[in-house]
Amino acid sequence: MDLTISIVNWNTRDELLRCLASVFEQTGIEMEVFVVDNASEDASAHVVREQFPQVTVFANDKNIGFSKAHNQSLMASTGRYFLILNPDTLMPEPDTMSKLVQVANDNLHIGILGPRIENPSGSLQFSARRFPTLGAALFRRTPLGRLFPKNKFVREYIMADWMHDEMRDVDWVSGSALMIRRETADKIGPLDGGFFMYCEDVDWCYRAKEANWNVVYYPMARVIHKIGASSDQRPIPMIYQFHRSMFRFYLKHYAKGIKALAAPIVFAGLAARALFMIALTRIPISREAQVDGERLVR
């Protein structure tokens, strides 16, 4: 099997069905498709079984989170590559997946590969980034960021200094469409189930690079991403989960040695940032949407 595709769904039935239709228009590869439904209330699992009987559906009786759900697919998968894909994505060309598989076949140093991700309008989503820094946390979607919207910290984080039009090594790629080599997953382990949602992609890429695998952005394969189909349903809990995951990532990878002493300050800063973003939920999304080409989520 060339490729296993894993889609985690929570109450996004219509987007999921469109995504699956797009997946099964892909040509040139042998693939298996898993949908993990996290206790949706919109009959997603039932409808997928009816309309796409070739899909393996795992229907959880509670929402176990993004990482644990994808790990269900990973444990059952047989593909040489494993692709995590959001249900609010579409493939505009029928060779998107075969391009990803082929470039990974041709470049054995690649452990994780991400395509170019675009908004439905065709504009770029900054899905290839550098690892988060304190500066980026201070200026991205904060009062400081509003005062200095063109600050270097956010621009460096989202790699706005680069056209995103060529294949290159990056720090991490978005989990809205991320492909990992089987050998890489076997070596570094599955997604960290401690991340309920958000930062699990950053963590997986960080661990891959620590194990001497390359993380690569490949813009010749394109994916369209609507953004926020699930998270927009409950924005305040998602803001909480996002900042909780950021702190977990900090503790796991950055809080070593003397830097561990800064953990209380980092926690306080993230809490203040979360409260600011919760306050912004009162402002229409259209006014807040695109400082860097995407909302809070992938």
C-alpha atoms as a PDB file:
ATOM      1  CA  MET A   1       0.000   0.000   0.000  1.00  0.00           C
ATOM      2  CA  ASP A   2       1.424   3.386  -1.006  1.00  0.00           C
ATOM      3  CA  LEU A   3      -0.522   5.633   1.319  1.00  0.00           C
ATOM      4  CA  THR A   4      -2.815   5.610   4.329  1.00  0.00           C
ATOM      5  CA  ILE A   5      -5.012   8.695   4.698  1.00  0.00           C
ATOM      6  CA  SER A   6      -6.407   9.453   8.137  1.00  0.00           C
ATOM      7  CA  ILE A   7      -9.174  12.023   8.655  1.00  0.00           C
ATOM      8  CA  VAL A   8     -10.391  12.967  12.143  1.00  0.00           C
ATOM      9  CA  ASN A   9     -13.901  14.373  12.200  1.00  0.00           C
ATOM     10  CA  TRP A  10     -16.023  16.202  14.740  1.00  0.00           C
ATOM     11  CA  ASN A  11     -19.414  17.477  13.541  1.00  0.00           C
ATOM     12  CA  THR A  12     -18.226  18.438  10.048  1.00  0.00           C
ATOM     13  CA  ARG A  13     -20.247  15.950   8.011  1.00  0.00           C
ATOM     14  CA  ASP A  14     -20.729  18.074   4.879  1.00  0.00           C
ATOM     15  CA  GLU A  15     -17.090  19.139   4.685  1.00  0.00           C
ATOM     16  CA  LEU A  16     -16.013  15.548   5.360  1.00  0.00           C
ATOM     17  CA  LEU A  17     -18.116  14.183   2.508  1.00  0.00           C
ATOM     18  CA  ARG A  18     -16.659  16.735   0.090  1.00  0.00           C
ATOM     19  CA  CYS A  19     -13.170  15.898   1.316  1.00  0.00           C
ATOM     20  CA  LEU A  20     -13.699  12.169   0.770  1.00  0.00           C
ATOM     21  CA  ALA A  21     -15.081  12.753  -2.709  1.00  0.00           C
ATOM     22  CA  SER A  22     -11.934  14.716  -3.491  1.00  0.00           C
ATOM     23  CA  VAL A  23      -9.720  11.989  -2.006  1.00  0.00           C
ATOM     24  CA  PHE A  24     -11.274   9.309  -4.175  1.00  0.00           C
ATOM     25  CA  GLU A  25     -10.667  11.387  -7.282  1.00  0.00           C
ATOM     26  CA  GLN A  26      -6.918  10.942  -6.677  1.00  0.00           C
ATOM     27  CA  THR A  27      -5.124   8.793  -9.224  1.00  0.00           C
ATOM     28  CA  GLY A  28      -1.799   7.009  -9.580  1.00  0.00           C
ATOM     29  CA  ILE A  29      -1.490   5.552  -6.076  1.00  0.00           C
ATOM     30  CA  GLU A  30      -2.796   2.663  -4.025  1.00  0.00           C
ATOM     31  CA  MET A  31      -4.342   3.964  -0.827  1.00  0.00           C
ATOM     32  CA  GLU A  32      -6.507   3.140   2.141  1.00  0.00           C
ATOM     33  CA  VAL A  33      -8.669   5.709   3.905  1.00  0.00           C
ATOM     34  CA  PHE A  34      -9.632   5.879   7.576  1.00  0.00           C
ATOM     35  CA  VAL A  35     -12.132   8.241   9.168  1.00  0.00           C
ATOM     36  CA  VAL A  36     -12.062   8.567  12.945  1.00  0.00           C
ATOM     37  CA  ASP A  37     -15.226  10.200  14.217  1.00  0.00           C
ATOM     38  CA  ASN A  38     -14.967  11.779  17.655  1.00  0.00           C
ATOM     39  CA  ALA A  39     -18.571  11.376  18.848  1.00  0.00           C
ATOM     40  CA  SER A  40     -20.155  13.694  16.283  1.00  0.00           C
ATOM     41  CA  GLU A  41     -23.801  14.592  16.685  1.00  0.00           C
ATOM     42  CA  ASP A  42     -24.478  15.019  12.955  1.00  0.00           C
ATOM     43  CA  ALA A  43     -24.520  11.325  11.940  1.00  0.00           C
ATOM     44  CA  SER A  44     -21.138  11.712  10.223  1.00  0.00           C
ATOM     45  CA  ALA A  45     -20.010   8.127  10.814  1.00  0.00           C
ATOM     46  CA  HIS A  46     -23.301   6.647   9.585  1.00  0.00           C
ATOM     47  CA  VAL A  47     -23.356   8.756   6.415  1.00  0.00           C
ATOM     48  CA  VAL A  48     -19.731   7.980   5.570  1.00  0.00           C
ATOM     49  CA  ARG A  49     -20.400   4.250   5.912  1.00  0.00           C
ATOM     50  CA  GLU A  50     -23.376   4.608   3.565  1.00  0.00           C
ATOM     51  CA  GLN A  51     -21.772   6.812   0.909  1.00  0.00           C
ATOM     52  CA  PHE A  52     -18.160   5.561   1.079  1.00  0.00           C
ATOM     53  CA  PRO A  53     -18.211   1.865   2.008  1.00  0.00           C
ATOM     54  CA  GLN A  54     -14.526   1.576   1.046  1.00  0.00           C
ATOM     55  CA  VAL A  55     -13.603   3.801   4.009  1.00  0.00           C
ATOM     56  CA  THR A  56     -12.747   2.246   7.365  1.00  0.00           C
ATOM     57  CA  VAL A  57     -14.660   4.193  10.033  1.00  0.00           C
ATOM     58  CA  PHE A  58     -13.768   4.295  13.717  1.00  0.00           C
ATOM     59  CA  ALA A  59     -16.693   5.777  15.649  1.00  0.00           C
ATOM     60  CA  ASN A  60     -15.598   6.858  19.127  1.00  0.00           C
ATOM     61  CA  ASP A  61     -18.176   7.257  21.877  1.00  0.00           C
ATOM     62  CA  LYS A  62     -16.454  10.419  23.124  1.00  0.00           C
ATOM     63  CA  ASN A  63     -14.167  13.102  21.759  1.00  0.00           C
ATOM     64  CA  ILE A  64     -10.682  11.775  22.487  1.00  0.00           C
ATOM     65  CA  GLY A  65      -8.888  14.587  20.682  1.00  0.00           C
ATOM     66  CA  PHE A  66      -6.953  15.005  17.450  1.00  0.00           C
ATOM     67  CA  SER A  67      -3.759  13.110  18.284  1.00  0.00           C
ATOM     68  CA  LYS A  68      -5.273  10.029  19.899  1.00  0.00           C
ATOM     69  CA  ALA A  69      -7.806   9.730  17.079  1.00  0.00           C
ATOM     70  CA  HIS A  70      -5.136   9.823  14.351  1.00  0.00           C
ATOM     71  CA  ASN A  71      -3.121   7.302  16.341  1.00  0.00           C
ATOM     72  CA  GLN A  72      -6.058   4.894  16.031  1.00  0.00           C
ATOM     73  CA  SER A  73      -5.597   5.035  12.269  1.00  0.00           C
ATOM     74  CA  LEU A  74      -1.815   4.830  12.516  1.00  0.00           C
ATOM     75  CA  MET A  75      -1.993   1.598  14.516  1.00  0.00           C
ATOM     76  CA  ALA A  76      -4.293   0.015  11.910  1.00  0.00           C
ATOM     77  CA  SER A  77      -2.551   1.412   8.829  1.00  0.00           C
ATOM     78  CA  THR A  78      -0.537  -0.507   6.248  1.00  0.00           C
ATOM     79  CA  GLY A  79       0.679   2.306   3.977  1.00  0.00           C
ATOM     80  CA  ARG A  80       4.334   3.102   3.413  1.00  0.00           C
ATOM     81  CA  TYR A  81       3.310   6.687   4.089  1.00  0.00           C
ATOM     82  CA  PHE A  82       0.738   8.008   6.538  1.00  0.00           C
ATOM     83  CA  LEU A  83      -1.115  11.234   5.759  1.00  0.00           C
ATOM     84  CA  ILE A  84      -3.150  13.138   8.327  1.00  0.00           C
ATOM     85  CA  LEU A  85      -5.753  15.271   6.603  1.00  0.00           C
ATOM     86  CA  ASN A  86      -8.364  17.702   7.898  1.00  0.00           C
ATOM     87  CA  PRO A  87     -11.982  17.116   6.867  1.00  0.00           C
ATOM     88  CA  ASP A  88     -12.258  20.707   5.612  1.00  0.00           C
ATOM     89  CA  THR A  89      -9.685  20.153   2.862  1.00  0.00           C
ATOM     90  CA  LEU A  90      -9.955  19.471  -0.871  1.00  0.00           C
ATOM     91  CA  MET A  91      -7.451  18.384  -3.510  1.00  0.00           C
ATOM     92  CA  PRO A  92      -7.778  20.623  -6.590  1.00  0.00           C
ATOM     93  CA  GLU A  93      -5.819  18.245  -8.835  1.00  0.00           C
ATOM     94  CA  PRO A  94      -6.115  14.445  -9.113  1.00  0.00           C
ATOM     95  CA  ASP A  95      -2.360  13.902  -8.699  1.00  0.00           C
ATOM     96  CA  THR A  96      -1.831  15.712  -5.379  1.00  0.00           C
ATOM     97  CA  MET A  97      -1.268  12.528  -3.393  1.00  0.00           C
ATOM     98  CA  SER A  98       0.796  10.793  -6.056  1.00  0.00           C
ATOM     99  CA  LYS A  99       3.087  13.842  -6.185  1.00  0.00           C
ATOM    100  CA  LEU A 100       3.660  13.657  -2.444  1.00  0.00           C
ATOM    101  CA  VAL A 101       4.384   9.935  -2.563  1.00  0.00           C
ATOM    102  CA  GLN A 102       6.702  10.281  -5.552  1.00  0.00           C
ATOM    103  CA  VAL A 103       8.823  13.076  -4.068  1.00  0.00           C
ATOM    104  CA  ALA A 104       9.134  11.095  -0.825  1.00  0.00           C
ATOM    105  CA  ASN A 105      10.157   8.000  -2.816  1.00  0.00           C
ATOM    106  CA  ASP A 106      12.818  10.056  -4.602  1.00  0.00           C
ATOM    107  CA  ASN A 107      14.190  11.696  -1.454  1.00  0.00           C
ATOM    108  CA  LEU A 108      14.814   9.111   1.228  1.00  0.00           C
ATOM    109  CA  HIS A 109      15.978  11.731   3.736  1.00  0.00           C
ATOM    110  CA  ILE A 110      12.456  13.168   3.952  1.00  0.00           C
ATOM    111  CA  GLY A 111      10.700  12.058   7.113  1.00  0.00           C
ATOM    112  CA  ILE A 112       7.740  14.455   7.001  1.00  0.00           C
ATOM    113  CA  LEU A 113       6.348  16.222   3.952  1.00  0.00           C
ATOM    114  CA  GLY A 114       3.758  18.980   3.627  1.00  0.00           C
ATOM    115  CA  PRO A 115       2.053  20.333   0.492  1.00  0.00           C
ATOM    116  CA  ARG A 116       1.259  23.952  -0.330  1.00  0.00           C
ATOM    117  CA  ILE A 117      -1.968  24.828   1.475  1.00  0.00           C
ATOM    118  CA  GLU A 118      -4.261  27.510   0.117  1.00  0.00           C
ATOM    119  CA  ASN A 119      -7.408  29.287   1.239  1.00  0.00           C
ATOM    120  CA  PRO A 120     -10.522  28.663  -0.877  1.00  0.00           C
ATOM    121  CA  SER A 121      -9.792  32.015  -2.555  1.00  0.00           C
ATOM    122  CA  GLY A 122      -6.462  30.649  -3.761  1.00  0.00           C
ATOM    123  CA  SER A 123      -4.360  32.779  -1.427  1.00  0.00           C
ATOM    124  CA  LEU A 124      -1.532  31.189   0.524  1.00  0.00           C
ATOM    125  CA  GLN A 125      -1.867  29.777   4.008  1.00  0.00           C
ATOM    126  CA  PHE A 126       1.451  29.941   5.835  1.00  0.00           C
ATOM    127  CA  SER A 127       1.566  26.226   6.565  1.00  0.00           C
ATOM    128  CA  ALA A 128       5.367  25.885   6.619  1.00  0.00           C
ATOM    129  CA  ARG A 129       6.932  27.637   9.595  1.00  0.00           C
ATOM    130  CA  ARG A 130       9.872  27.989  11.922  1.00  0.00           C
ATOM    131  CA  PHE A 131       9.606  26.620  15.432  1.00  0.00           C
ATOM    132  CA  PRO A 132       7.803  28.970  17.834  1.00  0.00           C
ATOM    133  CA  THR A 133       9.822  31.526  19.771  1.00  0.00           C
ATOM    134  CA  LEU A 134       9.135  33.813  22.704  1.00  0.00           C
ATOM    135  CA  GLY A 135       9.093  36.776  20.335  1.00  0.00           C
ATOM    136  CA  ALA A 136       6.458  35.194  18.124  1.00  0.00           C
ATOM    137  CA  ALA A 137       4.300  34.423  21.171  1.00  0.00           C
ATOM    138  CA  LEU A 138       4.598  38.012  22.388  1.00  0.00           C
ATOM    139  CA  PHE A 139       3.681  39.613  19.076  1.00  0.00           C
ATOM    140  CA  ARG A 140       1.358  37.173  17.315  1.00  0.00           C
ATOM    141  CA  ARG A 141      -2.320  38.010  17.993  1.00  0.00           C
ATOM    142  CA  THR A 142      -1.555  40.157  21.016  1.00  0.00           C
ATOM    143  CA  PRO A 143      -1.825  43.888  21.818  1.00  0.00           C
ATOM    144  CA  LEU A 144       1.886  44.203  20.955  1.00  0.00           C
ATOM    145  CA  GLY A 145       1.207  42.615  17.597  1.00  0.00           C
ATOM    146  CA  ARG A 146      -1.534  45.150  16.939  1.00  0.00           C
ATOM    147  CA  LEU A 147       0.855  47.981  17.704  1.00  0.00           C
ATOM    148  CA  PHE A 148       3.595  46.494  15.503  1.00  0.00           C
ATOM    149  CA  PRO A 149       1.811  44.430  12.819  1.00  0.00           C
ATOM    150  CA  LYS A 150       4.945  44.086  10.654  1.00  0.00           C
ATOM    151  CA  ASN A 151       7.258  42.986  13.450  1.00  0.00           C
ATOM    152  CA  LYS A 152      10.103  40.646  12.529  1.00  0.00           C
ATOM    153  CA  PHE A 153       9.189  37.984  15.105  1.00  0.00           C
ATOM    154  CA  VAL A 154       5.899  36.994  13.494  1.00  0.00           C
ATOM    155  CA  ARG A 155       7.274  37.395   9.980  1.00  0.00           C
ATOM    156  CA  GLU A 156      10.149  35.052  10.801  1.00  0.00           C
ATOM    157  CA  TYR A 157       7.828  32.554  12.491  1.00  0.00           C
ATOM    158  CA  ILE A 158       5.445  32.244   9.534  1.00  0.00           C
ATOM    159  CA  MET A 159       8.336  32.561   7.047  1.00  0.00           C
ATOM    160  CA  ALA A 160       6.803  35.609   5.422  1.00  0.00           C
ATOM    161  CA  ASP A 161      10.280  36.483   4.110  1.00  0.00           C
ATOM    162  CA  TRP A 162       9.978  33.663   1.570  1.00  0.00           C
ATOM    163  CA  MET A 163       7.598  33.188  -1.384  1.00  0.00           C
ATOM    164  CA  HIS A 164       6.621  29.591  -0.446  1.00  0.00           C
ATOM    165  CA  ASP A 165       6.992  28.643  -4.088  1.00  0.00           C
ATOM    166  CA  GLU A 166       9.867  26.153  -3.922  1.00  0.00           C
ATOM    167  CA  MET A 167      10.623  22.865  -2.230  1.00  0.00           C
ATOM    168  CA  ARG A 168      12.771  23.349   0.864  1.00  0.00           C
ATOM    169  CA  ASP A 169      13.541  22.098   4.352  1.00  0.00           C
ATOM    170  CA  VAL A 170      11.495  23.801   7.067  1.00  0.00           C
ATOM    171  CA  ASP A 171      11.038  23.393  10.808  1.00  0.00           C
ATOM    172  CA  TRP A 172       7.430  22.173  10.702  1.00  0.00           C
ATOM    173  CA  VAL A 173       4.429  21.816   8.432  1.00  0.00           C
ATOM    174  CA  SER A 174       0.748  22.047   9.265  1.00  0.00           C
ATOM    175  CA  GLY A 175      -1.161  19.010  10.445  1.00  0.00           C
ATOM    176  CA  SER A 176      -4.065  19.945   8.195  1.00  0.00           C
ATOM    177  CA  ALA A 177      -2.193  17.965   5.518  1.00  0.00           C
ATOM    178  CA  LEU A 178       0.974  16.242   6.734  1.00  0.00           C
ATOM    179  CA  MET A 179       2.549  13.051   5.404  1.00  0.00           C
ATOM    180  CA  ILE A 180       5.029  11.010   7.440  1.00  0.00           C
ATOM    181  CA  ARG A 181       7.191   8.129   6.261  1.00  0.00           C
ATOM    182  CA  ARG A 182       6.467   4.791   7.939  1.00  0.00           C
ATOM    183  CA  GLU A 183      10.084   4.394   9.056  1.00  0.00           C
ATOM    184  CA  THR A 184       9.991   7.853  10.619  1.00  0.00           C
ATOM    185  CA  ALA A 185       6.825   7.139  12.567  1.00  0.00           C
ATOM    186  CA  ASP A 186       8.274   3.820  13.718  1.00  0.00           C
ATOM    187  CA  LYS A 187      11.403   5.570  14.967  1.00  0.00           C
ATOM    188  CA  ILE A 188       9.914   8.643  16.693  1.00  0.00           C
ATOM    189  CA  GLY A 189       6.608   7.117  17.777  1.00  0.00           C
ATOM    190  CA  PRO A 190       3.006   8.194  17.207  1.00  0.00           C
ATOM    191  CA  LEU A 191       1.514  11.614  17.771  1.00  0.00           C
ATOM    192  CA  ASP A 192       1.702  12.704  21.404  1.00  0.00           C
ATOM    193  CA  GLY A 193      -1.760  12.026  22.809  1.00  0.00           C
ATOM    194  CA  GLY A 194      -1.138  14.628  25.509  1.00  0.00           C
ATOM    195  CA  PHE A 195      -1.903  17.277  22.904  1.00  0.00           C
ATOM    196  CA  PHE A 196      -5.710  17.191  22.710  1.00  0.00           C
ATOM    197  CA  MET A 197      -5.637  19.617  19.787  1.00  0.00           C
ATOM    198  CA  TYR A 198      -2.976  21.958  18.364  1.00  0.00           C
ATOM    199  CA  CYS A 199       0.833  21.754  18.463  1.00  0.00           C
ATOM    200  CA  GLU A 200       0.843  17.990  17.877  1.00  0.00           C
ATOM    201  CA  ASP A 201       2.135  18.694  14.356  1.00  0.00           C
ATOM    202  CA  VAL A 202       4.876  20.994  15.688  1.00  0.00           C
ATOM    203  CA  ASP A 203       5.847  18.313  18.209  1.00  0.00           C
ATOM    204  CA  TRP A 204       5.932  15.516  15.604  1.00  0.00           C
ATOM    205  CA  CYS A 205       8.138  17.584  13.313  1.00  0.00           C
ATOM    206  CA  TYR A 206      10.403  18.581  16.213  1.00  0.00           C
ATOM    207  CA  ARG A 207      10.879  14.940  17.148  1.00  0.00           C
ATOM    208  CA  ALA A 208      11.515  13.971  13.526  1.00  0.00           C
ATOM    209  CA  LYS A 209      14.251  16.575  13.189  1.00  0.00           C
ATOM    210  CA  GLU A 210      15.789  15.471  16.489  1.00  0.00           C
ATOM    211  CA  ALA A 211      15.967  11.971  14.969  1.00  0.00           C
ATOM    212  CA  ASN A 212      17.774  13.394  11.899  1.00  0.00           C
ATOM    213  CA  TRP A 213      14.860  13.248   9.481  1.00  0.00           C
ATOM    214  CA  ASN A 214      14.161  16.195   7.182  1.00  0.00           C
ATOM    215  CA  VAL A 215      10.862  18.050   7.294  1.00  0.00           C
ATOM    216  CA  VAL A 216      10.114  19.346   3.801  1.00  0.00           C
ATOM    217  CA  TYR A 217       7.600  21.722   2.224  1.00  0.00           C
ATOM    218  CA  TYR A 218       6.571  20.766  -1.304  1.00  0.00           C
ATOM    219  CA  PRO A 219       4.447  23.429  -3.060  1.00  0.00           C
ATOM    220  CA  MET A 220       4.025  21.533  -6.316  1.00  0.00           C
ATOM    221  CA  ALA A 221       1.290  19.531  -4.548  1.00  0.00           C
ATOM    222  CA  ARG A 222      -1.640  21.724  -3.486  1.00  0.00           C
ATOM    223  CA  VAL A 223      -4.405  21.330  -0.915  1.00  0.00           C
ATOM    224  CA  ILE A 224      -7.311  23.726  -0.354  1.00  0.00           C
ATOM    225  CA  HIS A 225      -8.161  24.284   3.314  1.00  0.00           C
ATOM    226  CA  LYS A 226     -11.317  26.005   4.498  1.00  0.00           C
ATOM    227  CA  ILE A 227     -10.015  26.470   8.102  1.00  0.00           C
ATOM    228  CA  GLY A 228     -11.939  26.155  11.307  1.00  0.00           C
ATOM    229  CA  ALA A 229     -14.848  23.896  10.356  1.00  0.00           C
ATOM    230  CA  SER A 230     -14.655  22.179  13.744  1.00  0.00           C
ATOM    231  CA  SER A 231     -12.950  24.759  15.933  1.00  0.00           C
ATOM    232  CA  ASP A 232     -15.266  27.613  14.968  1.00  0.00           C
ATOM    233  CA  GLN A 233     -18.137  25.708  16.580  1.00  0.00           C
ATOM    234  CA  ARG A 234     -16.616  26.202  20.058  1.00  0.00           C
ATOM    235  CA  PRO A 235     -14.073  29.014  19.841  1.00  0.00           C
ATOM    236  CA  ILE A 236     -13.439  29.597  23.540  1.00  0.00           C
ATOM    237  CA  PRO A 237     -12.666  25.938  24.405  1.00  0.00           C
ATOM    238  CA  MET A 238     -10.428  25.814  21.324  1.00  0.00           C
ATOM    239  CA  ILE A 239      -8.529  28.908  22.482  1.00  0.00           C
ATOM    240  CA  TYR A 240      -8.012  27.178  25.820  1.00  0.00           C
ATOM    241  CA  GLN A 241      -6.776  23.997  24.133  1.00  0.00           C
ATOM    242  CA  PHE A 242      -4.458  25.955  21.853  1.00  0.00           C
ATOM    243  CA  HIS A 243      -2.696  27.709  24.732  1.00  0.00           C
ATOM    244  CA  ARG A 244      -2.642  24.560  26.854  1.00  0.00           C
ATOM    245  CA  SER A 245      -0.876  22.806  23.981  1.00  0.00           C
ATOM    246  CA  MET A 246       1.575  25.666  23.562  1.00  0.00           C
ATOM    247  CA  PHE A 247       2.553  25.378  27.219  1.00  0.00           C
ATOM    248  CA  ARG A 248       2.880  21.607  26.941  1.00  0.00           C
ATOM    249  CA  PHE A 249       5.164  22.036  23.929  1.00  0.00           C
ATOM    250  CA  TYR A 250       7.256  24.563  25.863  1.00  0.00           C
ATOM    251  CA  LEU A 251       7.629  22.237  28.850  1.00  0.00           C
ATOM    252  CA  LYS A 252       8.442  19.269  26.646  1.00  0.00           C
ATOM    253  CA  HIS A 253      11.073  20.828  24.402  1.00  0.00           C
ATOM    254  CA  TYR A 254      12.207  24.231  25.678  1.00  0.00           C
ATOM    255  CA  ALA A 255      12.110  24.117  29.476  1.00  0.00           C
ATOM    256  CA  LYS A 256      15.468  22.442  29.972  1.00  0.00           C
ATOM    257  CA  GLY A 257      18.157  23.408  32.464  1.00  0.00           C
ATOM    258  CA  ILE A 258      18.071  27.029  33.543  1.00  0.00           C
ATOM    259  CA  LYS A 259      15.233  27.736  31.073  1.00  0.00           C
ATOM    260  CA  ALA A 260      12.899  25.672  33.253  1.00  0.00           C
ATOM    261  CA  LEU A 261      12.901  28.550  35.733  1.00  0.00           C
ATOM    262  CA  ALA A 262      11.001  30.659  33.204  1.00  0.00           C
ATOM    263  CA  ALA A 263       8.029  28.267  33.122  1.00  0.00           C
ATOM    264  CA  PRO A 264       5.827  30.347  35.502  1.00  0.00           C
ATOM    265  CA  ILE A 265       6.446  33.462  33.411  1.00  0.00           C
ATOM    266  CA  VAL A 266       5.642  31.603  30.200  1.00  0.00           C
ATOM    267  CA  PHE A 267       2.475  30.221  31.762  1.00  0.00           C
ATOM    268  CA  ALA A 268       1.360  33.694  32.848  1.00  0.00           C
ATOM    269  CA  GLY A 269       2.075  35.104  29.406  1.00  0.00           C
ATOM    270  CA  LEU A 270       0.120  32.382  27.660  1.00  0.00           C
ATOM    271  CA  ALA A 271      -2.792  32.848  30.060  1.00  0.00           C
ATOM    272  CA  ALA A 272      -2.847  36.580  29.311  1.00  0.00           C
ATOM    273  CA  ARG A 273      -2.665  35.872  25.580  1.00  0.00           C
ATOM    274  CA  ALA A 274      -5.559  33.411  25.824  1.00  0.00           C
ATOM    275  CA  LEU A 275      -7.707  35.958  27.675  1.00  0.00           C
ATOM    276  CA  PHE A 276      -6.963  38.542  24.993  1.00  0.00           C
ATOM    277  CA  MET A 277      -7.985  36.136  22.245  1.00  0.00           C
ATOM    278  CA  ILE A 278     -11.175  35.197  24.097  1.00  0.00           C
ATOM    279  CA  ALA A 279     -12.014  38.900  24.217  1.00  0.00           C
ATOM    280  CA  LEU A 280     -11.523  39.028  20.445  1.00  0.00           C
ATOM    281  CA  THR A 281     -14.198  36.381  19.930  1.00  0.00           C
ATOM    282  CA  ARG A 282     -16.689  39.237  20.352  1.00  0.00           C
ATOM    283  CA  ILE A 283     -15.277  40.797  17.179  1.00  0.00           C
ATOM    284  CA  PRO A 284     -16.517  39.370  13.852  1.00  0.00           C
ATOM    285  CA  ILE A 285     -14.020  36.966  12.286  1.00  0.00           C
ATOM    286  CA  SER A 286     -13.988  38.943   9.053  1.00  0.00           C
ATOM    287  CA  ARG A 287     -12.328  41.844  10.860  1.00  0.00           C
ATOM    288  CA  GLU A 288      -9.786  39.716  12.686  1.00  0.00           C
ATOM    289  CA  ALA A 289      -9.136  37.002  10.194  1.00  0.00           C
ATOM    290  CA  GLN A 290      -5.952  37.364   8.253  1.00  0.00           C
ATOM    291  CA  VAL A 291      -2.907  38.924   9.838  1.00  0.00           C
ATOM    292  CA  ASP A 292      -0.923  36.015   8.428  1.00  0.00           C
ATOM    293  CA  GLY A 293      -3.286  34.231   6.082  1.00  0.00           C
ATOM    294  CA  GLU A 294      -5.202  32.087   8.557  1.00  0.00           C
ATOM    295  CA  ARG A 295      -7.142  32.116  11.791  1.00  0.00           C
ATOM    296  CA  LEU A 296      -6.091  30.666  15.113  1.00  0.00           C
ATOM    297  CA  VAL A 297      -6.131  27.126  13.784  1.00  0.00           C
ATOM    298  CA  ARG A 298      -4.185  25.407  11.055  1.00  0.00           C
END
